[in-house]
Amino acid sequence: MMATHIDQVRDRLEQLGTACPLEEVMDLCPDLTWNQVFLAIDYLSRTGHIRVTMDRGKTYQVQAYRPVAAVPTTAA
C-alpha cells in the first residue's frame, strides 16, 4: 500500500526531528507537488501532528509535534 502525501510529509518531518522552513519541506518530499505538501501541512497542523510557527525573519517553520501526555496525579 502506498502512503498518502499526508503520511509522507508527516514521516519526513518526524525523521528530520527539527524545525525547517516551509519551503524546505518540498526538498524532503521531492515527488510531491507544492499543493500536496501545502495541503498536508494544513491538515497536519489542524490535527496537532505538526507545529507551524513564524520566526523573527517572518519565515514559517514546520516541525513534527508530539504533545507530552499528562502525568496522572494521585491523591495523597
Protein backbone atom coordinates (compact mmCIF):
# COMPACT_ATOMS: atom_id res chain seq x y z
CA MET A 1 0.00 0.00 0.00
CA MET A 2 1.31 3.45 -0.91
CA ALA A 3 1.47 6.11 1.79
CA THR A 4 -0.64 9.20 1.25
CA HIS A 5 1.01 12.56 0.75
CA ILE A 6 -0.08 13.47 4.30
CA ASP A 7 1.67 10.39 5.74
CA GLN A 8 4.75 11.09 3.65
CA VAL A 9 5.08 14.69 4.85
CA ARG A 10 4.50 13.68 8.49
CA ASP A 11 7.01 10.83 8.30
CA ARG A 12 9.70 13.00 6.73
CA LEU A 13 9.23 15.74 9.34
CA GLU A 14 9.38 13.17 12.14
CA GLN A 15 12.59 11.72 10.67
CA LEU A 16 14.09 15.21 10.42
CA GLY A 17 13.35 15.85 14.08
CA THR A 18 13.94 19.60 13.94
CA ALA A 19 12.10 22.60 12.58
CA CYS A 20 12.70 23.55 8.98
CA PRO A 21 11.45 26.36 6.76
CA LEU A 22 8.18 25.64 5.00
CA GLU A 23 9.88 25.90 1.62
CA GLU A 24 12.39 23.19 2.57
CA VAL A 25 9.62 20.66 3.17
CA MET A 26 9.47 20.46 -0.62
CA ASP A 27 13.07 19.17 -0.58
CA LEU A 28 12.05 16.48 1.92
CA CYS A 29 9.29 15.29 -0.43
CA PRO A 30 10.57 15.84 -3.98
CA ASP A 31 7.97 13.56 -5.55
CA LEU A 32 5.06 15.66 -4.24
CA THR A 33 3.66 18.84 -5.74
CA TRP A 34 3.59 22.13 -3.85
CA ASN A 35 -0.18 21.77 -3.50
CA GLN A 36 0.12 18.30 -1.97
CA VAL A 37 2.74 19.49 0.53
CA PHE A 38 0.74 22.60 1.44
CA LEU A 39 -2.49 20.65 1.94
CA ALA A 40 -0.67 18.04 4.04
CA ILE A 41 0.89 20.75 6.23
CA ASP A 42 -2.50 22.43 6.63
CA TYR A 43 -4.16 19.15 7.65
CA LEU A 44 -1.33 18.06 9.96
CA SER A 45 -1.28 21.46 11.64
CA ARG A 46 -5.04 21.44 12.23
CA THR A 47 -4.91 17.92 13.69
CA GLY A 48 -1.98 18.67 16.00
CA HIS A 49 0.64 16.47 14.33
CA ILE A 50 2.92 19.35 13.40
CA ARG A 51 3.57 22.88 14.56
CA VAL A 52 3.82 25.80 12.18
CA THR A 53 5.44 28.91 13.65
CA MET A 54 6.85 32.14 12.26
CA ASP A 55 10.38 33.18 13.18
CA ARG A 56 11.70 36.74 13.51
CA GLY A 57 12.57 36.82 9.83
CA LYS A 58 8.90 36.12 9.02
CA THR A 59 9.75 32.65 7.73
CA TYR A 60 7.31 29.87 8.53
CA GLN A 61 8.96 26.97 10.37
CA VAL A 62 7.44 23.49 10.36
CA GLN A 63 8.18 20.74 12.88
CA ALA A 64 6.65 17.40 13.81
CA TYR A 65 4.88 17.74 17.12
CA ARG A 66 4.05 15.12 19.69
CA PRO A 67 2.37 16.55 22.74
CA VAL A 68 3.57 15.26 26.08
CA ALA A 69 0.93 13.10 27.71
CA ALA A 70 -0.38 14.36 31.01
CA VAL A 71 1.04 12.54 34.00
CA PRO A 72 -1.77 11.23 36.22
CA THR A 73 -1.64 12.52 39.76
CA THR A 74 -2.62 10.51 42.78
CA ALA A 75 -4.37 11.85 45.80
CA ALA A 76 -2.33 11.56 48.98
